[in-house]
Protein backbone atom coordinates (compact mmCIF):
# COMPACT_ATOMS: atom_id res chain seq x y z
CA MET A 1 13.22 6.89 33.34
CA GLN A 2 16.10 4.44 33.03
CA THR A 3 14.14 1.78 34.97
CA LYS A 4 11.13 2.13 32.67
CA ARG A 5 13.33 1.94 29.58
CA THR A 6 15.11 -1.16 30.90
CA CYS A 7 11.82 -2.89 31.72
CA TYR A 8 10.50 -2.10 28.26
CA ARG A 9 13.66 -3.51 26.68
CA TYR A 10 13.29 -6.78 28.60
CA MET A 11 9.64 -7.02 27.52
CA VAL A 12 10.70 -6.60 23.89
CA ILE A 13 13.52 -9.14 24.22
CA GLY A 14 11.08 -11.59 25.80
CA LEU A 15 8.66 -11.13 22.93
CA LEU A 16 11.47 -11.68 20.45
CA ALA A 17 12.38 -14.89 22.25
CA CYS A 18 8.80 -16.12 21.85
CA LEU A 19 8.89 -15.27 18.16
CA THR A 20 12.17 -17.15 17.92
CA PHE A 21 10.47 -20.32 19.14
CA VAL A 22 7.61 -19.94 16.69
CA ILE A 23 9.85 -19.29 13.69
CA THR A 24 12.42 -21.98 14.41
CA SER A 25 9.67 -24.55 14.93
CA ASN A 26 9.07 -24.40 11.15
CA PRO A 27 11.59 -26.86 9.66
CA ALA A 28 11.01 -25.60 6.11
CA VAL A 29 12.69 -22.31 6.99
CA ALA A 30 15.87 -23.97 8.18
CA GLN A 31 16.02 -26.53 5.39
CA SER A 32 15.47 -24.45 2.26
CA MET A 33 16.63 -20.88 3.05
CA ARG A 34 20.34 -21.25 3.73
CA LYS A 35 21.04 -17.56 4.29
CA GLY A 36 18.83 -14.53 4.59
CA PRO A 37 17.12 -12.62 3.31
CA TYR A 38 19.46 -9.88 4.48
CA LEU A 39 20.26 -6.32 3.41
CA ILE A 40 23.21 -4.19 2.38
CA TYR A 41 23.12 -0.51 1.46
CA PRO A 42 24.84 0.03 -1.92
CA GLY A 43 25.42 3.76 -1.43
CA THR A 44 22.47 5.37 -3.25
CA ASN A 45 19.60 6.62 -1.11
CA THR A 46 16.94 5.44 -3.57
CA GLU A 47 18.21 1.84 -3.52
CA MET A 48 18.45 -1.15 -1.19
CA GLN A 49 19.99 -4.53 -1.99
CA VAL A 50 18.30 -7.73 -0.79
CA LEU A 51 20.33 -10.95 -0.76
CA TRP A 52 19.63 -14.58 0.09
CA GLN A 53 20.94 -18.08 -0.56
CA ARG A 54 18.94 -21.24 -1.21
CA THR A 55 19.86 -24.90 -0.89
CA ALA A 56 18.89 -25.83 -4.45
CA VAL A 57 18.38 -24.31 -7.91
CA GLU A 58 15.14 -22.31 -7.73
CA THR A 59 13.44 -19.26 -9.18
CA CYS A 60 12.37 -16.84 -6.48
CA THR A 61 10.17 -13.76 -6.35
CA VAL A 62 10.89 -10.61 -4.38
CA GLU A 63 8.09 -8.07 -3.84
CA TRP A 64 8.09 -4.74 -2.03
CA GLY A 65 5.89 -1.84 -1.01
CA THR A 66 5.07 0.62 1.75
CA ASP A 67 2.68 -1.84 3.40
CA LEU A 68 2.12 -5.58 3.60
CA THR A 69 0.39 -5.72 0.22
CA TYR A 70 3.85 -5.38 -1.38
CA SER A 71 2.21 -3.52 -4.24
CA LEU A 72 5.04 -1.30 -5.51
CA GLY A 73 7.11 -3.89 -7.33
CA SER A 74 7.80 -7.54 -8.03
CA GLU A 75 10.78 -9.25 -9.61
CA GLU A 76 11.68 -12.84 -10.36
CA THR A 77 15.26 -13.80 -9.56
CA THR A 78 17.50 -16.64 -10.63
CA GLU A 79 20.65 -17.67 -8.86
CA TYR A 80 24.07 -16.25 -9.59
CA GLY A 81 27.60 -17.33 -8.76
CA GLY A 82 27.12 -21.08 -8.82
CA ASP A 83 26.11 -21.51 -5.15
CA HIS A 84 22.37 -20.81 -5.21
CA GLN A 85 22.72 -17.13 -4.31
CA HIS A 86 20.05 -14.59 -5.22
CA THR A 87 19.98 -10.81 -5.07
CA HIS A 88 17.86 -7.93 -6.19
CA THR A 89 18.48 -4.20 -5.78
CA ILE A 90 15.21 -2.40 -5.17
CA THR A 91 15.30 0.98 -6.90
CA GLY A 92 13.08 4.06 -7.06
CA LEU A 93 12.79 4.36 -3.28
CA THR A 94 11.73 7.56 -1.54
CA PRO A 95 14.47 8.56 0.93
CA GLY A 96 13.58 8.06 4.56
CA THR A 97 10.49 5.95 3.82
CA LEU A 98 9.75 2.62 5.52
CA TYR A 99 9.35 -0.29 3.10
CA TYR A 100 8.32 -3.92 3.46
CA TYR A 101 9.49 -6.77 1.26
CA ARG A 102 8.79 -10.45 0.77
CA VAL A 103 10.93 -13.18 -0.76
CA SER A 104 8.95 -16.24 -1.84
CA VAL A 105 9.44 -19.52 -3.63
CA ALA A 106 6.53 -21.90 -4.05
CA ALA A 107 4.55 -21.73 -0.78
CA GLU A 108 7.50 -20.53 1.30
CA GLU A 109 7.73 -16.86 2.29
CA HIS A 110 10.31 -14.75 4.09
CA THR A 111 9.59 -11.13 4.97
CA GLY A 112 11.51 -8.10 6.13
CA SER A 113 11.47 -4.33 6.21
CA PHE A 114 13.87 -1.42 5.89
CA ARG A 115 13.95 2.34 5.95
CA ALA A 116 15.40 3.89 2.80
CA ALA A 117 18.46 6.02 3.44
CA PRO A 118 17.80 9.69 4.33
CA ALA A 119 17.53 12.50 1.83
CA THR A 120 20.77 14.05 0.68
CA ASP A 121 20.02 17.26 2.54
CA ALA A 122 18.88 15.56 5.76
CA THR A 123 20.35 17.06 8.92
CA GLN A 124 19.38 14.30 11.36
CA LEU A 125 20.57 10.69 11.57
CA LYS A 126 20.57 7.86 14.07
CA TYR A 127 22.58 4.67 13.60
CA ILE A 128 24.10 1.77 15.54
CA ALA A 129 27.67 0.40 15.48
CA TYR A 130 29.11 -2.79 16.95
CA GLY A 131 31.36 -5.69 15.98
CA ASP A 132 33.29 -8.90 16.68
CA THR A 133 30.34 -11.28 16.54
CA ARG A 134 32.36 -14.42 15.85
CA SER A 135 32.35 -17.85 17.47
CA TYR A 136 29.35 -17.67 19.82
CA PRO A 137 26.13 -16.93 17.92
CA ALA A 138 23.96 -17.32 21.02
CA ASP A 139 25.70 -14.32 22.59
CA HIS A 140 25.48 -12.40 19.32
CA ASP A 141 21.78 -13.27 19.21
CA GLY A 142 21.31 -11.58 22.58
CA VAL A 143 23.06 -8.42 21.38
CA ALA A 144 20.89 -8.49 18.23
CA ALA A 145 17.75 -8.67 20.38
CA SER A 146 18.85 -5.55 22.26
CA ILE A 147 19.63 -3.70 19.03
CA MET A 148 16.16 -4.55 17.72
CA SER A 149 14.62 -3.31 20.95
CA GLU A 150 16.22 0.08 20.25
CA TYR A 151 14.61 0.57 16.85
CA ILE A 152 11.32 -0.91 18.03
CA ALA A 153 11.29 1.74 20.77
CA ASP A 154 12.58 4.46 18.43
CA PRO A 155 11.94 3.69 14.71
CA ALA A 156 14.42 6.42 13.72
CA PHE A 157 17.16 3.91 14.62
CA GLN A 158 16.02 1.48 11.91
CA THR A 159 18.64 2.81 9.54
CA MET A 160 21.83 0.76 9.20
CA LEU A 161 24.41 -1.16 11.21
CA ILE A 162 28.09 -0.30 11.07
CA SER A 163 30.10 -3.46 11.84
CA VAL A 164 33.83 -3.48 12.59
CA GLY A 165 34.36 -7.02 11.33
CA ASP A 166 35.23 -10.50 12.62
CA LEU A 167 31.78 -11.73 11.73
CA VAL A 168 32.79 -15.42 12.05
CA ASN A 169 35.67 -17.36 13.56
CA ASN A 170 37.14 -18.73 10.32
CA GLY A 171 36.01 -16.70 7.35
CA ASN A 172 37.52 -19.19 4.94
CA LEU A 173 35.05 -21.90 6.01
CA GLU A 174 31.55 -21.98 4.56
CA ALA A 175 30.44 -23.88 7.67
CA ASP A 176 31.27 -20.92 9.91
CA TRP A 177 29.14 -18.58 7.81
CA ASP A 178 26.31 -21.12 7.92
CA ASN A 179 26.54 -21.88 11.64
CA GLN A 180 27.75 -18.66 13.26
CA PHE A 181 26.32 -15.77 11.28
CA PHE A 182 23.44 -16.95 9.06
CA ASP A 183 22.10 -19.85 11.12
CA PRO A 184 18.29 -19.47 10.91
CA THR A 185 17.83 -20.88 14.41
CA TYR A 186 19.26 -17.61 15.78
CA THR A 187 16.25 -15.61 14.72
CA ASN A 188 17.20 -12.35 16.44
CA ILE A 189 20.30 -12.13 14.26
CA GLN A 190 18.38 -13.07 11.13
CA THR A 191 15.53 -10.65 11.84
CA MET A 192 18.02 -7.86 12.49
CA LEU A 193 19.82 -8.62 9.21
CA SER A 194 16.50 -8.56 7.36
CA GLU A 195 15.60 -5.15 8.80
CA MET A 196 18.91 -3.24 8.92
CA PRO A 197 21.44 -3.04 6.07
CA TYR A 198 24.72 -4.48 7.33
CA GLN A 199 27.72 -2.27 6.51
CA SER A 200 30.81 -4.18 7.61
CA CYS A 201 34.54 -3.87 7.15
CA MET A 202 36.68 -6.99 6.97
CA GLY A 203 38.31 -8.37 10.11
CA ASN A 204 41.33 -10.61 10.44
CA HIS A 205 39.10 -13.62 11.10
CA GLU A 206 37.55 -13.18 7.65
CA GLY A 207 40.76 -14.81 6.37
CA THR A 208 41.41 -14.26 2.68
CA GLY A 209 38.15 -12.33 2.35
CA VAL A 210 36.87 -14.51 -0.49
CA LEU A 211 33.73 -15.57 1.40
CA PHE A 212 33.35 -12.16 3.05
CA THR A 213 33.05 -10.51 -0.37
CA LYS A 214 30.90 -13.39 -1.60
CA TYR A 215 28.24 -12.68 1.01
CA PHE A 216 28.83 -8.93 1.32
CA PRO A 217 29.47 -7.68 -2.22
CA TYR A 218 29.75 -3.98 -1.46
CA PRO A 219 30.74 -1.73 -4.39
CA PHE A 220 34.41 -1.69 -3.38
CA VAL A 221 36.78 0.84 -4.92
CA SER A 222 39.52 -1.79 -4.75
CA GLY A 223 40.51 -4.49 -2.28
CA ARG A 224 37.76 -4.30 0.34
CA TYR A 225 37.59 -0.54 0.89
CA TRP A 226 34.92 1.92 -0.19
CA SER A 227 32.80 4.81 1.11
CA PHE A 228 29.23 6.03 1.03
CA ASP A 229 27.06 8.97 2.01
CA TYR A 230 24.13 8.45 4.35
CA GLY A 231 22.04 11.56 5.06
CA PRO A 232 24.27 14.17 6.74
CA ALA A 233 27.19 11.76 7.12
CA HIS A 234 29.94 10.16 5.06
CA PHE A 235 31.39 6.75 6.00
CA ILE A 236 34.76 5.35 4.97
CA CYS A 237 35.37 1.60 5.24
CA VAL A 238 39.10 0.85 5.58
CA ASP A 239 40.61 -2.49 4.48
CA GLN A 240 43.52 -3.10 6.85
CA TYR A 241 44.55 -6.19 4.91
CA THR A 242 45.39 -4.12 1.85
CA SER A 243 48.26 -1.66 2.28
CA TYR A 244 47.31 1.75 3.65
CA SER A 245 50.82 3.02 4.36
CA THR A 246 52.34 6.20 2.95
CA GLY A 247 52.13 6.26 -0.85
CA SER A 248 49.71 3.33 -1.05
CA ALA A 249 46.68 3.46 -3.34
CA GLN A 250 44.32 3.03 -0.41
CA LEU A 251 45.77 5.83 1.73
CA THR A 252 45.79 8.16 -1.28
CA TRP A 253 42.17 7.26 -1.92
CA ILE A 254 41.22 7.83 1.75
CA GLU A 255 42.72 11.31 1.74
CA ASN A 256 41.13 12.22 -1.60
CA ASP A 257 37.80 10.83 -0.42
CA LEU A 258 37.85 12.91 2.77
CA ALA A 259 38.87 16.01 0.80
CA ALA A 260 36.00 15.47 -1.64
CA SER A 261 33.34 14.76 0.99
CA THR A 262 30.55 17.32 1.05
CA LYS A 263 29.18 16.07 4.36
CA GLU A 264 29.70 17.86 7.67
CA TRP A 265 30.06 14.53 9.51
CA ASN A 266 32.71 12.02 8.40
CA PHE A 267 33.35 8.66 10.07
CA ILE A 268 35.91 5.90 9.56
CA TYR A 269 35.38 2.26 10.46
CA LEU A 270 38.03 -0.44 10.46
CA HIS A 271 38.87 -3.56 12.43
CA GLU A 272 42.14 -3.11 14.34
CA PRO A 273 42.06 0.12 16.43
CA GLY A 274 44.90 2.58 16.76
CA TRP A 275 44.35 3.18 20.48
CA THR A 276 42.82 0.52 22.67
CA SER A 277 43.23 -1.18 26.08
CA GLY A 278 45.36 -4.25 25.56
CA HIS A 279 45.17 -7.92 24.58
CA HIS A 280 45.83 -7.07 20.94
CA SER A 281 48.24 -4.15 20.83
CA ASN A 282 47.58 -0.71 19.37
CA GLU A 283 47.64 -0.65 15.57
CA ILE A 284 50.50 1.73 14.81
CA PRO A 285 49.57 2.36 11.12
CA VAL A 286 46.24 3.81 12.33
CA GLN A 287 48.20 6.18 14.56
CA ASP A 288 50.67 7.08 11.82
CA TYR A 289 48.44 7.28 8.74
CA ILE A 290 44.74 7.50 9.71
CA GLN A 291 44.96 9.82 12.74
CA PRO A 292 46.65 12.72 10.85
CA LEU A 293 43.88 12.63 8.23
CA CYS A 294 41.22 12.59 10.96
CA GLU A 295 42.73 15.69 12.51
CA GLN A 296 43.12 17.42 9.16
CA TYR A 297 39.58 16.73 7.94
CA GLY A 298 37.72 16.80 11.24
CA VAL A 299 36.75 13.13 11.60
CA PRO A 300 35.27 12.88 15.12
CA ILE A 301 35.03 9.08 15.51
CA VAL A 302 37.01 6.09 14.29
CA PHE A 303 35.27 2.78 14.98
CA GLY A 304 37.38 -0.34 15.55
CA GLY A 305 37.04 -3.74 17.19
CA HIS A 306 39.50 -6.66 17.36
CA ASN A 307 39.57 -6.53 21.17
CA HIS A 308 36.44 -8.01 22.68
CA TYR A 309 35.44 -5.22 25.05
CA TYR A 310 34.46 -1.56 24.93
CA SER A 311 37.03 1.21 25.24
CA ARG A 312 37.31 4.81 24.13
CA ALA A 313 40.46 6.79 23.54
CA LEU A 314 40.43 10.54 22.91
CA VAL A 315 43.40 11.68 20.82
CA ASN A 316 43.58 15.34 19.73
CA GLY A 317 39.82 15.58 19.49
CA VAL A 318 39.33 12.22 17.72
CA HIS A 319 37.41 9.49 19.58
CA HIS A 320 38.77 6.00 18.86
CA ILE A 321 36.06 3.50 19.79
CA THR A 322 36.81 -0.18 20.36
CA THR A 323 33.43 -1.87 20.02
CA GLY A 324 34.30 -5.56 20.06
CA GLY A 325 31.46 -6.78 22.28
CA GLY A 326 29.09 -8.23 19.69
CA GLY A 327 29.29 -11.85 20.84
CA ALA A 328 32.93 -12.97 20.53
CA PRO A 329 34.58 -14.36 23.69
CA PRO A 330 35.08 -11.41 26.08
CA TYR A 331 38.53 -9.98 26.86
CA SER A 332 39.48 -7.90 29.88
CA PRO A 333 40.81 -4.42 29.10
CA THR A 334 44.11 -3.50 30.75
CA ALA A 335 44.90 -0.30 32.63
CA GLY A 336 47.72 2.00 31.66
CA TYR A 337 47.25 2.36 27.92
CA PRO A 338 47.57 5.97 26.66
CA TYR A 339 44.63 8.24 25.89
CA ILE A 340 42.01 5.80 27.24
CA VAL A 341 39.13 7.62 28.95
CA TYR A 342 36.83 4.63 29.54
CA LYS A 343 36.96 0.84 29.28
CA ILE A 344 34.80 -2.12 30.30
CA SER A 345 34.43 -5.80 29.45
CA ALA A 346 30.82 -6.27 28.32
CA TYR A 347 28.68 -7.34 25.42
CA HIS A 348 27.50 -4.03 24.01
CA TYR A 349 26.59 -1.81 21.06
CA CYS A 350 26.97 1.89 20.26
CA MET A 351 24.27 4.42 19.35
CA VAL A 352 25.00 7.63 17.43
CA GLU A 353 22.51 10.49 17.14
CA ILE A 354 23.20 13.45 14.84
CA ASP A 355 21.08 16.58 14.98
CA GLY A 356 22.45 19.30 12.74
CA ALA A 357 25.79 20.41 14.14
CA PHE A 358 25.57 18.20 17.22
CA LEU A 359 26.29 14.52 17.87
CA ASP A 360 25.44 12.43 20.91
CA PHE A 361 27.08 9.04 21.43
CA THR A 362 25.90 6.34 23.83
CA ALA A 363 27.34 2.87 24.45
CA ARG A 364 25.02 0.34 26.11
CA THR A 365 25.46 -3.14 27.46
CA ARG A 366 23.35 -5.98 26.12
CA SER A 367 20.92 -5.38 29.00
CA GLY A 368 20.59 -1.70 28.05
CA THR A 369 22.75 -0.18 30.79
CA VAL A 370 24.56 2.97 29.67
CA ILE A 371 28.34 2.49 29.94
CA ASP A 372 29.67 5.59 28.17
CA THR A 373 28.40 8.83 26.65
CA PHE A 374 29.95 11.84 24.99
CA SER A 375 28.94 14.67 22.68
CA VAL A 376 30.63 16.27 19.70
CA ASP A 377 29.93 19.68 18.18
CA LEU A 378 31.03 20.59 14.70
CA PRO A 379 33.68 23.30 14.63
CA GLN A 380 32.05 26.72 14.73
CA ALA A 381 33.27 27.61 11.26
CA ALA A 382 31.39 24.65 9.82
CA VAL A 383 28.17 25.71 11.50
CA GLU A 384 27.88 29.41 10.84
CA PRO A 385 30.07 32.29 9.64
CA ARG A 386 32.00 34.20 12.28
CA ASP A 387 32.37 37.30 10.12
CA ARG A 388 31.18 40.03 12.49
CA ASP A 389 29.99 42.02 9.48
CA THR A 390 27.54 39.23 8.58
CA LEU A 391 24.57 38.89 10.91
CA PRO A 392 23.20 35.41 11.67
CA GLN A 393 19.93 34.46 10.03
CA ILE A 394 18.43 32.40 12.85
CA VAL A 395 18.59 31.88 16.61
CA ASN A 396 21.21 29.21 17.15
CA LEU A 397 22.99 27.46 19.99
CA SER A 398 25.95 26.87 17.75
CA SER A 399 28.62 25.13 19.82
CA ILE A 400 29.71 23.94 23.25
CA ARG A 401 33.45 23.51 23.36
CA PRO A 402 34.95 21.49 24.84
CA ASN A 403 32.29 18.87 25.46
CA PRO A 404 32.87 16.80 27.57
CA PHE A 405 34.65 19.42 29.70
CA GLY A 406 36.60 19.54 32.91
CA ARG A 407 37.16 22.99 34.43
CA SER A 408 35.05 25.13 32.08
CA THR A 409 33.36 25.20 28.68
CA MET A 410 32.41 27.95 26.23
CA ILE A 411 28.82 28.08 24.98
CA SER A 412 28.32 30.01 21.73
CA PHE A 413 24.97 31.31 20.52
CA SER A 414 23.62 33.79 17.99
CA VAL A 415 20.53 35.92 17.49
CA PRO A 416 19.54 37.64 14.23
CA GLU A 417 18.15 40.79 15.89
CA PRO A 418 18.18 42.48 19.31
CA THR A 419 16.17 40.26 21.62
CA ARG A 420 15.89 39.00 25.17
CA VAL A 421 17.97 35.87 25.75
CA ASP A 422 17.69 33.32 28.55
CA LEU A 423 20.55 30.81 28.72
CA GLY A 424 20.62 28.34 31.61
CA ILE A 425 22.13 25.09 32.82
CA TYR A 426 19.85 22.27 33.99
CA THR A 427 20.20 18.86 35.61
CA VAL A 428 18.81 15.73 33.94
CA SER A 429 15.75 16.06 36.18
CA GLY A 430 15.05 19.51 34.73
CA ARG A 431 16.17 21.58 37.72
CA ARG A 432 17.84 24.86 36.78
CA ILE A 433 21.17 25.22 38.56
CA ARG A 434 22.81 28.17 36.81
CA THR A 435 21.77 31.18 34.73
CA LEU A 436 24.44 32.30 32.29
CA VAL A 437 22.51 34.96 30.34
CA ASP A 438 19.25 36.70 31.22
CA GLY A 439 18.61 39.94 29.38
CA MET A 440 18.71 41.81 26.09
CA GLN A 441 21.40 40.84 23.60
CA GLU A 442 22.41 42.64 20.43
CA ALA A 443 22.09 40.95 17.05
CA GLY A 444 25.16 38.84 16.35
CA TYR A 445 27.37 36.17 17.87
CA HIS A 446 27.83 35.74 21.60
CA ASP A 447 29.79 33.51 23.99
CA ALA A 448 29.01 32.52 27.56
CA GLU A 449 31.42 30.55 29.72
CA TRP A 450 30.26 28.02 32.29
CA ASP A 451 32.83 27.31 34.97
CA GLY A 452 31.06 24.17 36.22
CA ARG A 453 29.54 25.90 39.24
CA ASP A 454 25.95 26.36 40.35
CA GLU A 455 24.31 29.63 41.42
CA SER A 456 25.75 29.27 44.92
CA GLY A 457 29.28 28.88 43.60
CA ASN A 458 29.46 25.17 44.37
CA ASP A 459 31.44 23.00 41.94
CA VAL A 460 28.94 20.57 40.39
CA SER A 461 29.69 16.86 40.19
CA SER A 462 30.64 14.90 37.10
CA GLY A 463 27.68 13.85 34.99
CA ILE A 464 25.20 14.89 32.32
CA TYR A 465 23.70 18.39 32.22
CA PHE A 466 21.67 20.35 29.70
CA CYS A 467 22.11 23.85 28.32
CA ARG A 468 18.86 25.54 27.26
CA LEU A 469 18.61 28.69 25.14
CA HIS A 470 15.37 30.68 24.85
CA ALA A 471 15.29 33.61 22.41
CA LYS A 472 12.30 34.93 20.49
CA ASP A 473 10.17 31.84 19.75
CA ALA A 474 13.11 29.43 19.77
CA TRP A 475 13.89 26.90 22.49
CA ILE A 476 17.13 24.98 21.92
CA THR A 477 18.56 22.39 24.29
CA ARG A 478 21.94 20.62 24.10
CA LYS A 479 23.61 18.05 26.32
CA LEU A 480 26.83 18.76 28.24
CA ILE A 481 29.03 16.26 30.03
CA ARG A 482 31.12 17.29 33.04
CA THR A 483 34.18 15.19 33.82
CA LYS A 484 36.69 15.66 36.61
């Protein structure tokens, strides 16, 4: 399976390389379209913002639709801001729908596509996170090709990109934005930006942030921090170059924002991580101010970058991801830092898949090799009531805690009426290695412990396993990870 997936990815990357040659052989593209078109998500699931920059004063037209006739809307744009920038926010979108758009001026056309953000009540979401793309656009271009191969293979990943900053080497220089991030000769980057809204925090290399906010004008609350809902999730962008210490306006806002969130899944992304594996030291304010809020409000993942490698720290149930392998010069992680459960120097990106109360995380190298995985379950209380006087309404495999696990893990399930239940553990190849429940179960909530052993009593090795529940007409499967 992995071999087939890897071969397919290389085929896609090869095709993208051919397209790169074709597109860059057109000098008109490079000479007149200085940046874009590219996308940002403004925070409303019926809207998408398209942005671009020209090299001269021009009137442009942007058209959009659900196919290549672009028949749903058309708007003329004139530049704003004094530097030949254009933008248009497409409104009236149907959540979750794939749209195509075209930006044209005279005989020149630039096209792209996007998937409108999910419905407010959506329970499933897939997205990609990465960062630190500065200095070496050719390496970033390779990562972009791999990211595109993911949503070509699985269109549900054509949602949005979470970036942890350091987009360019010197964010105060227009030339770096032109040559490192928006250079049209790096067509994988430009195609990715035209097909995935780019949701980035500011990194230290963005300098004063003047050009960062010029090209990424998110609807900031203040400084460069803000938040948005996206389907079943809520995302908070932290500005580490505006105070977020005790009593600061930003920290007060972060806490109030988390308290007001109606989403079951809440994520924080910032640039300088609280727990990482060396080169740049751990960011103590994240430990002191952000971590307590994550524990209080159940934030499962904090995304950071700054260090140009992948590492994951697990601190009181909160995963701190360092995803700094987007193209910047690689660093080597150092052993001995606290709470680190995995680290590697590699160009990479992270994939997050949410399905109801369950989250699966995968980090992959630029070539598609899996380097880290883990799963998160929402706390039981957030999934279903535990009041024994209230019967469940559906068959549910409600939680596996802890996951990943070492010695043992508790698997919780519920049935709305007396019924026969089959609950087993399987290998990735589909071989059943342990039966936990096989028989009639009363209506209500039940727990089954797996001690990490197979039917013969042998301790199974570290790796990925699957728990499968069959009750009535329901089949529910969840991933487990065994670590030793």
